[in-house]
Each structure stands twice: as C-alpha cells, then as structure tokens.
C-alpha atoms as a PDB file:
ATOM      1  CA  UNK A   1      -7.684 101.710-111.369  1.00  0.00           C
ATOM      2  CA  UNK A   2      -9.818 104.142-109.325  1.00  0.00           C
ATOM      3  CA  UNK A   3     -10.940 107.333-111.022  1.00  0.00           C
ATOM      4  CA  UNK A   4     -12.124 110.369-109.048  1.00  0.00           C
ATOM      5  CA  UNK A   5     -12.784 113.984-110.055  1.00  0.00           C
ATOM      6  CA  UNK A   6      -9.820 116.207-109.185  1.00  0.00           C
ATOM      7  CA  UNK A   7     -11.972 119.008-107.715  1.00  0.00           C
ATOM      8  CA  UNK A   8     -12.761 116.923-104.632  1.00  0.00           C
ATOM      9  CA  UNK A   9     -10.584 116.852-101.558  1.00  0.00           C
ATOM     10  CA  UNK A  10     -10.514 115.683 -97.930  1.00  0.00           C
ATOM     11  CA  UNK A  11     -12.881 112.682 -97.878  1.00  0.00           C
ATOM     12  CA  UNK A  12     -15.329 113.095 -94.987  1.00  0.00           C
ATOM     13  CA  UNK A  13     -17.556 110.015 -95.131  1.00  0.00           C
ATOM     14  CA  UNK A  14     -17.255 106.511 -96.506  1.00  0.00           C
ATOM     15  CA  UNK A  15     -20.380 104.566 -97.445  1.00  0.00           C
ATOM     16  CA  UNK A  16     -19.856 101.047 -98.829  1.00  0.00           C
ATOM     17  CA  UNK A  17     -16.335 101.982 -99.939  1.00  0.00           C
ATOM     18  CA  UNK A  18     -17.283 105.306-101.562  1.00  0.00           C
ATOM     19  CA  UNK A  19     -15.508 108.460-100.426  1.00  0.00           C
ATOM     20  CA  UNK A  20     -17.745 111.496-100.042  1.00  0.00           C
ATOM     21  CA  UNK A  21     -15.844 114.760-100.363  1.00  0.00           C
ATOM     22  CA  UNK A  22     -16.582 118.478-100.396  1.00  0.00           C
ATOM     23  CA  UNK A  23     -15.470 120.844-103.153  1.00  0.00           C
ATOM     24  CA  UNK A  24     -13.574 123.921-101.997  1.00  0.00           C
ATOM     25  CA  UNK A  25     -16.461 126.258-102.864  1.00  0.00           C
ATOM     26  CA  UNK A  26     -19.242 124.013-101.508  1.00  0.00           C
ATOM     27  CA  UNK A  27     -22.100 125.919 -99.872  1.00  0.00           C
ATOM     28  CA  UNK A  28     -24.536 123.094 -99.100  1.00  0.00           C
ATOM     29  CA  UNK A  29     -25.216 121.581 -95.698  1.00  0.00           C
ATOM     30  CA  UNK A  30     -23.656 118.442 -94.251  1.00  0.00           C
ATOM     31  CA  UNK A  31     -26.813 116.317 -94.357  1.00  0.00           C
ATOM     32  CA  UNK A  32     -27.142 113.274 -96.597  1.00  0.00           C
ATOM     33  CA  UNK A  33     -30.669 112.570 -97.766  1.00  0.00           C
ATOM     34  CA  UNK A  34     -31.902 109.598 -99.746  1.00  0.00           C
ATOM     35  CA  UNK A  35     -31.436 111.261-103.158  1.00  0.00           C
ATOM     36  CA  UNK A  36     -27.853 112.209-102.325  1.00  0.00           C
ATOM     37  CA  UNK A  37     -27.101 108.686-101.168  1.00  0.00           C
ATOM     38  CA  UNK A  38     -28.401 107.181-104.419  1.00  0.00           C
ATOM     39  CA  UNK A  39     -26.354 109.616-106.495  1.00  0.00           C
ATOM     40  CA  UNK A  40     -23.231 108.683-104.566  1.00  0.00           C
ATOM     41  CA  UNK A  41     -23.976 105.001-104.978  1.00  0.00           C
ATOM     42  CA  UNK A  42     -24.445 105.435-108.734  1.00  0.00           C
ATOM     43  CA  UNK A  43     -21.156 107.331-109.008  1.00  0.00           C
ATOM     44  CA  UNK A  44     -19.444 104.621-107.006  1.00  0.00           C
ATOM     45  CA  UNK A  45     -20.665 101.921-109.382  1.00  0.00           C
ATOM     46  CA  UNK A  46     -19.683 103.982-112.402  1.00  0.00           C
ATOM     47  CA  UNK A  47     -16.092 104.482-111.292  1.00  0.00           C
ATOM     48  CA  UNK A  48     -15.449 101.195-109.505  1.00  0.00           C
ATOM     49  CA  UNK A  49     -12.426  99.091-110.378  1.00  0.00           C
ATOM     50  CA  UNK A  50     -13.657  96.324-112.745  1.00  0.00           C
ATOM     51  CA  UNK A  51     -10.912  94.039-111.378  1.00  0.00           C
ATOM     52  CA  UNK A  52     -11.937  94.717-107.795  1.00  0.00           C
ATOM     53  CA  UNK A  53     -15.691  95.380-107.833  1.00  0.00           C
ATOM     54  CA  UNK A  54     -17.700  96.277-104.774  1.00  0.00           C
ATOM     55  CA  UNK A  55     -18.956  93.486-102.577  1.00  0.00           C
ATOM     56  CA  UNK A  56     -22.679  93.015-103.256  1.00  0.00           C
ATOM     57  CA  UNK A  57     -23.471  92.000 -99.698  1.00  0.00           C
ATOM     58  CA  UNK A  58     -21.747  95.081 -98.313  1.00  0.00           C
ATOM     59  CA  UNK A  59     -23.668  97.298-100.726  1.00  0.00           C
ATOM     60  CA  UNK A  60     -27.002  95.713 -99.796  1.00  0.00           C
ATOM     61  CA  UNK A  61     -26.183  96.116 -96.109  1.00  0.00           C
ATOM     62  CA  UNK A  62     -25.432  99.808 -96.618  1.00  0.00           C
ATOM     63  CA  UNK A  63     -28.692 100.295 -98.525  1.00  0.00           C
ATOM     64  CA  UNK A  64     -30.665  98.534 -95.803  1.00  0.00           C
ATOM     65  CA  UNK A  65     -29.005 100.590 -93.077  1.00  0.00           C
ATOM     66  CA  UNK A  66     -29.660 103.859 -94.871  1.00  0.00           C
ATOM     67  CA  UNK A  67     -33.294 102.926 -95.541  1.00  0.00           C
ATOM     68  CA  UNK A  68     -33.766 102.123 -91.864  1.00  0.00           C
ATOM     69  CA  UNK A  69     -32.253 105.444 -90.771  1.00  0.00           C
ATOM     70  CA  UNK A  70     -34.318 107.335 -93.332  1.00  0.00           C
ATOM     71  CA  UNK A  71     -37.470 105.584 -92.157  1.00  0.00           C
ATOM     72  CA  UNK A  72     -36.763 106.434 -88.524  1.00  0.00           C
ATOM     73  CA  UNK A  73     -36.146 110.064 -89.460  1.00  0.00           C
ATOM     74  CA  UNK A  74     -39.438 110.273 -91.355  1.00  0.00           C
ATOM     75  CA  UNK A  75     -41.265 108.580 -88.479  1.00  0.00           C
ATOM     76  CA  UNK A  76     -39.756 111.032 -85.990  1.00  0.00           C
ATOM     77  CA  UNK A  77     -40.926 113.956 -88.133  1.00  0.00           C
ATOM     78  CA  UNK A  78     -44.430 112.490 -88.381  1.00  0.00           C
ATOM     79  CA  UNK A  79     -44.636 111.912 -84.632  1.00  0.00           C
ATOM     80  CA  UNK A  80     -43.429 115.470 -84.006  1.00  0.00           C
ATOM     81  CA  UNK A  81     -46.182 116.823 -86.259  1.00  0.00           C
ATOM     82  CA  UNK A  82     -48.804 114.677 -84.521  1.00  0.00           C
ATOM     83  CA  UNK A  83     -47.613 115.860 -81.099  1.00  0.00           C
ATOM     84  CA  UNK A  84     -47.839 119.460 -82.260  1.00  0.00           C
ATOM     85  CA  UNK A  85     -51.408 118.941 -83.474  1.00  0.00           C
ATOM     86  CA  UNK A  86     -52.427 117.256 -80.231  1.00  0.00           C
ATOM     87  CA  UNK A  87     -50.795 120.041 -78.223  1.00  0.00           C
ATOM     88  CA  UNK A  88     -52.726 122.675 -80.160  1.00  0.00           C
ATOM     89  CA  UNK A  89     -55.952 120.742 -79.657  1.00  0.00           C
ATOM     90  CA  UNK A  90     -55.348 120.510 -75.910  1.00  0.00           C
ATOM     91  CA  UNK A  91     -54.704 124.240 -75.752  1.00  0.00           C
ATOM     92  CA  UNK A  92     -57.829 124.972 -77.783  1.00  0.00           C
ATOM     93  CA  UNK A  93     -59.917 122.815 -75.438  1.00  0.00           C
ATOM     94  CA  UNK A  94     -58.423 124.438 -72.337  1.00  0.00           C
ATOM     95  CA  UNK A  95     -59.154 127.946 -73.647  1.00  0.00           C
ATOM     96  CA  UNK A  96     -62.842 127.108 -73.376  1.00  0.00           C
ATOM     97  CA  UNK A  97     -62.332 127.086 -69.587  1.00  0.00           C
ATOM     98  CA  UNK A  98     -61.490 130.798 -69.475  1.00  0.00           C
ATOM     99  CA  UNK A  99     -64.221 132.635 -67.604  1.00  0.00           C
ATOM    100  CA  UNK A 100     -65.324 129.464 -65.812  1.00  0.00           C
ATOM    101  CA  UNK A 101     -64.351 128.230 -62.370  1.00  0.00           C
ATOM    102  CA  UNK A 102     -62.644 124.951 -61.504  1.00  0.00           C
ATOM    103  CA  UNK A 103     -62.786 122.983 -58.277  1.00  0.00           C
ATOM    104  CA  UNK A 104     -59.255 122.252 -57.060  1.00  0.00           C
ATOM    105  CA  UNK A 105     -57.938 120.632 -53.863  1.00  0.00           C
ATOM    106  CA  UNK A 106     -56.797 123.101 -51.215  1.00  0.00           C
ATOM    107  CA  UNK A 107     -57.922 125.467 -48.457  1.00  0.00           C
ATOM    108  CA  UNK A 108     -57.458 128.795 -50.273  1.00  0.00           C
ATOM    109  CA  UNK A 109     -60.627 130.381 -51.592  1.00  0.00           C
ATOM    110  CA  UNK A 110     -61.043 133.330 -53.962  1.00  0.00           C
ATOM    111  CA  UNK A 111     -64.077 135.214 -55.196  1.00  0.00           C
ATOM    112  CA  UNK A 112     -65.595 134.652 -58.618  1.00  0.00           C
ATOM    113  CA  UNK A 113     -67.027 137.467 -60.736  1.00  0.00           C
ATOM    114  CA  UNK A 114     -70.165 137.427 -58.570  1.00  0.00           C
ATOM    115  CA  UNK A 115     -68.237 137.784 -55.317  1.00  0.00           C
ATOM    116  CA  UNK A 116     -68.883 134.211 -54.220  1.00  0.00           C
ATOM    117  CA  UNK A 117     -66.393 132.156 -52.202  1.00  0.00           C
ATOM    118  CA  UNK A 118     -67.329 128.508 -52.597  1.00  0.00           C
ATOM    119  CA  UNK A 119     -66.057 125.004 -52.059  1.00  0.00           C
ATOM    120  CA  UNK A 120     -66.826 121.594 -50.647  1.00  0.00           C
ATOM    121  CA  UNK A 121     -65.414 118.897 -48.386  1.00  0.00           C
ATOM    122  CA  UNK A 122     -66.185 115.487 -46.952  1.00  0.00           C
ATOM    123  CA  UNK A 123     -67.447 115.376 -43.361  1.00  0.00           C
ATOM    124  CA  UNK A 124     -66.030 112.131 -41.992  1.00  0.00           C
ATOM    125  CA  UNK A 125     -68.536 111.743 -39.163  1.00  0.00           C
ATOM    126  CA  UNK A 126     -71.714 113.390 -37.926  1.00  0.00           C
ATOM    127  CA  UNK A 127     -71.374 116.489 -35.749  1.00  0.00           C
ATOM    128  CA  UNK A 128     -73.618 118.841 -33.810  1.00  0.00           C
ATOM    129  CA  UNK A 129     -71.740 122.133 -34.210  1.00  0.00           C
ATOM    130  CA  UNK A 130     -70.077 122.441 -37.608  1.00  0.00           C
ATOM    131  CA  UNK A 131     -68.910 125.915 -38.602  1.00  0.00           C
ATOM    132  CA  UNK A 132     -66.767 127.420 -41.383  1.00  0.00           C
ATOM    133  CA  UNK A 133     -64.544 130.502 -41.194  1.00  0.00           C
ATOM    134  CA  UNK A 134     -62.842 132.458 -43.974  1.00  0.00           C
ATOM    135  CA  UNK A 135     -59.670 134.192 -42.766  1.00  0.00           C
ATOM    136  CA  UNK A 136     -57.462 136.829 -44.363  1.00  0.00           C
ATOM    137  CA  UNK A 137     -53.647 136.848 -44.385  1.00  0.00           C
ATOM    138  CA  UNK A 138     -53.623 138.441 -40.922  1.00  0.00           C
ATOM    139  CA  UNK A 139     -55.613 135.522 -39.513  1.00  0.00           C
ATOM    140  CA  UNK A 140     -58.740 137.644 -39.006  1.00  0.00           C
ATOM    141  CA  UNK A 141     -62.159 136.126 -39.633  1.00  0.00           C
ATOM    142  CA  UNK A 142     -63.658 137.917 -42.644  1.00  0.00           C
ATOM    143  CA  UNK A 143     -66.786 135.757 -43.013  1.00  0.00           C
ATOM    144  CA  UNK A 144     -68.181 132.765 -41.146  1.00  0.00           C
ATOM    145  CA  UNK A 145     -71.217 130.511 -41.076  1.00  0.00           C
ATOM    146  CA  UNK A 146     -72.691 128.255 -38.383  1.00  0.00           C
ATOM    147  CA  UNK A 147     -74.030 125.054 -39.946  1.00  0.00           C
ATOM    148  CA  UNK A 148     -74.865 123.306 -36.660  1.00  0.00           C
ATOM    149  CA  UNK A 149     -75.862 119.666 -36.844  1.00  0.00           C
ATOM    150  CA  UNK A 150     -74.628 117.843 -39.937  1.00  0.00           C
ATOM    151  CA  UNK A 151     -74.602 114.227 -41.076  1.00  0.00           C
ATOM    152  CA  UNK A 152     -71.459 112.576 -42.364  1.00  0.00           C
ATOM    153  CA  UNK A 153     -70.927 113.001 -46.089  1.00  0.00           C
ATOM    154  CA  UNK A 154     -70.234 115.723 -48.655  1.00  0.00           C
ATOM    155  CA  UNK A 155     -70.805 119.317 -47.565  1.00  0.00           C
ATOM    156  CA  UNK A 156     -70.877 122.336 -49.899  1.00  0.00           C
ATOM    157  CA  UNK A 157     -70.403 125.948 -48.784  1.00  0.00           C
ATOM    158  CA  UNK A 158     -70.914 129.288 -50.493  1.00  0.00           C
ATOM    159  CA  UNK A 159     -70.163 132.753 -49.070  1.00  0.00           C
ATOM    160  CA  UNK A 160     -71.731 135.706 -50.856  1.00  0.00           C
ATOM    161  CA  UNK A 161     -69.395 138.712 -50.543  1.00  0.00           C
ATOM    162  CA  UNK A 162     -71.089 142.089 -51.203  1.00  0.00           C
ATOM    163  CA  UNK A 163     -70.315 145.706 -50.410  1.00  0.00           C
ATOM    164  CA  UNK A 164     -72.775 148.149 -48.806  1.00  0.00           C
ATOM    165  CA  UNK A 165     -74.431 148.835 -52.165  1.00  0.00           C
ATOM    166  CA  UNK A 166     -74.931 145.136 -52.843  1.00  0.00           C
ATOM    167  CA  UNK A 167     -72.231 144.848 -55.497  1.00  0.00           C
ATOM    168  CA  UNK A 168     -69.819 141.879 -55.576  1.00  0.00           C
ATOM    169  CA  UNK A 169     -66.848 142.454 -53.267  1.00  0.00           C
ATOM    170  CA  UNK A 170     -63.537 140.710 -53.891  1.00  0.00           C
ATOM    171  CA  UNK A 171     -61.737 140.355 -50.572  1.00  0.00           C
ATOM    172  CA  UNK A 172     -58.709 138.576 -52.000  1.00  0.00           C
ATOM    173  CA  UNK A 173     -57.380 135.178 -51.081  1.00  0.00           C
ATOM    174  CA  UNK A 174     -59.054 133.774 -47.962  1.00  0.00           C
ATOM    175  CA  UNK A 175     -58.153 130.664 -46.014  1.00  0.00           C
ATOM    176  CA  UNK A 176     -60.902 128.165 -45.244  1.00  0.00           C
ATOM    177  CA  UNK A 177     -61.050 126.878 -41.665  1.00  0.00           C
ATOM    178  CA  UNK A 178     -63.556 124.224 -40.645  1.00  0.00           C
ATOM    179  CA  UNK A 179     -64.475 123.829 -36.991  1.00  0.00           C
ATOM    180  CA  UNK A 180     -66.384 121.205 -35.004  1.00  0.00           C
ATOM    181  CA  UNK A 181     -65.807 118.162 -37.177  1.00  0.00           C
ATOM    182  CA  UNK A 182     -63.331 115.856 -38.887  1.00  0.00           C
ATOM    183  CA  UNK A 183     -63.123 116.581 -42.600  1.00  0.00           C
ATOM    184  CA  UNK A 184     -61.186 115.471 -45.693  1.00  0.00           C
ATOM    185  CA  UNK A 185     -60.931 116.273 -49.400  1.00  0.00           C
ATOM    186  CA  UNK A 186     -61.321 120.021 -48.928  1.00  0.00           C
ATOM    187  CA  UNK A 187     -61.496 121.804 -52.295  1.00  0.00           C
ATOM    188  CA  UNK A 188     -62.400 125.316 -53.424  1.00  0.00           C
ATOM    189  CA  UNK A 189     -63.734 126.888 -56.601  1.00  0.00           C
ATOM    190  CA  UNK A 190     -61.332 129.248 -58.379  1.00  0.00           C
ATOM    191  CA  UNK A 191     -61.901 131.241 -61.592  1.00  0.00           C
ATOM    192  CA  UNK A 192     -59.724 130.600 -64.654  1.00  0.00           C
ATOM    193  CA  UNK A 193     -58.188 133.893 -65.814  1.00  0.00           C
ATOM    194  CA  UNK A 194     -56.151 132.634 -68.787  1.00  0.00           C
ATOM    195  CA  UNK A 195     -54.366 129.653 -70.322  1.00  0.00           C
ATOM    196  CA  UNK A 196     -50.698 129.265 -71.213  1.00  0.00           C
ATOM    197  CA  UNK A 197     -48.654 126.578 -72.913  1.00  0.00           C
ATOM    198  CA  UNK A 198     -45.792 124.464 -71.607  1.00  0.00           C
ATOM    199  CA  UNK A 199     -42.586 123.467 -73.360  1.00  0.00           C
ATOM    200  CA  UNK A 200     -42.358 120.306 -75.408  1.00  0.00           C
ATOM    201  CA  UNK A 201     -46.071 120.108 -76.262  1.00  0.00           C
ATOM    202  CA  UNK A 202     -46.925 119.462 -72.644  1.00  0.00           C
ATOM    203  CA  UNK A 203     -50.426 119.970 -71.258  1.00  0.00           C
ATOM    204  CA  UNK A 204     -51.714 123.559 -71.105  1.00  0.00           C
ATOM    205  CA  UNK A 205     -51.752 125.387 -67.778  1.00  0.00           C
ATOM    206  CA  UNK A 206     -54.791 127.137 -66.303  1.00  0.00           C
ATOM    207  CA  UNK A 207     -53.861 130.446 -64.697  1.00  0.00           C
ATOM    208  CA  UNK A 208     -55.913 131.192 -61.564  1.00  0.00           C
ATOM    209  CA  UNK A 209     -55.687 133.675 -58.654  1.00  0.00           C
ATOM    210  CA  UNK A 210     -54.240 130.933 -56.420  1.00  0.00           C
ATOM    211  CA  UNK A 211     -51.606 129.870 -58.954  1.00  0.00           C
ATOM    212  CA  UNK A 212     -51.207 127.669 -62.010  1.00  0.00           C
ATOM    213  CA  UNK A 213     -53.368 124.568 -62.305  1.00  0.00           C
ATOM    214  CA  UNK A 214     -53.083 121.663 -64.740  1.00  0.00           C
ATOM    215  CA  UNK A 215     -56.443 120.597 -66.240  1.00  0.00           C
ATOM    216  CA  UNK A 216     -55.926 117.105 -64.806  1.00  0.00           C
ATOM    217  CA  UNK A 217     -55.881 118.600 -61.297  1.00  0.00           C
ATOM    218  CA  UNK A 218     -59.352 120.094 -61.672  1.00  0.00           C
ATOM    219  CA  UNK A 219     -62.009 117.992 -59.925  1.00  0.00           C
ATOM    220  CA  UNK A 220     -64.939 119.778 -61.558  1.00  0.00           C
ATOM    221  CA  UNK A 221     -65.592 122.678 -63.907  1.00  0.00           C
ATOM    222  CA  UNK A 222     -68.471 125.093 -63.398  1.00  0.00           C
END
C-alpha cells in the first residue's frame, strides 16, 4: 500500500518511481538541488510498499545520473567564474594601453598628443624617388616628404604637425599615399583613447580615432 501526504497534488516529476509534487501554497522555485533529491529519496524509501520495493539497480542509476548532472552544473559554474576572472584580467591589462599608441595595419594616420603622424611599411624593391604624401578627406596634400633613393626593406616615416606658434596641430584623419615604389604591410601609429568590454567575456576593445581595435590586431605598442 502506498502512503502519501494528502497536502500534495499534481505530480510534476518522477525520479526512480517517486512522485514530486507541489503544495498549493508553495513559494519555492522549480529547481532540484542535491539536498532536495536526497530528501525525496529518503521519503520514497520510507513510504515504499514493502511487498513491492524499489528496484535497487534503478535507484543506483538515478543516483548516478543526478550526481553526473550535479557535477556538470558545478563545473559549468566554476568555468564561468574562471572566464569572468580572465576577462577582468584582460581588461585590466588593456587599460594600461590608454595614453599609448599602437601600430595597426592600414593607410589612415592620425596625430598623437605631440602632433606626430607616423607609420611604417615594407619597400619591396629599391627605388630612386620614393615620396610620401598625407592627404585630407578632400584629396588635398596636407604634408609630404621626398625620401629619394631608398633600399628595399622596412621604411619608417614621421610627420611633425605644428601650428605657427610651434604647438602640436591635429589635422584629423589623413590618408597615407606612397609614391615611386612598390610597398606592402603599410601600418600607422594611432593613440588609444579608451578601452571597452565585449559581451560574453570576449577580448577588450581599444578605442582609437580610426575606430575600434582588438589588442591582437596591434603590431606594436609605443
């Protein structure tokens, strides 16, 4: 004969033959933790039919399954906490880049706090008349330099932008144009203004005047 408290109704879950039910005035949540499972199992054993006892193998299987699920849940929580810590560490490291400049691939150059437009590229073959122009959005040459004869290899450039009083002059975003030679791997230095996070503990993002940059995209930091 099965005995069950009368205050329970509408069985909602069955674990190893035990009906789990909710009282009418229940206010708890619908989760079943390890303590709750053990209490239910104890109640099940207490009120089982002595002429039709629970199958031991079925009970052991249920216990093993619940332990596995509980272990996975705890592991997931631990991994989530580790990911959060690593995300915070990455953000903390990236914040140290604020105020510095990073070298990123591209042909758009911006001034740093000293008014310098700088970058570098690879000259694929020697040339006799290498020159570099910086152009504004209208396509007008704002600054230029004649480098003349150059050997193949890495070439660095630096334009010093000043006003009439000698103070740093920010002329906005300028496009780099290289004349008189075949080049590759053009990159420019851009200042890091701030750092922001991404969703899901992703890598932090460096905010620069030319757009957002991931730390992994930075070739150098200065």
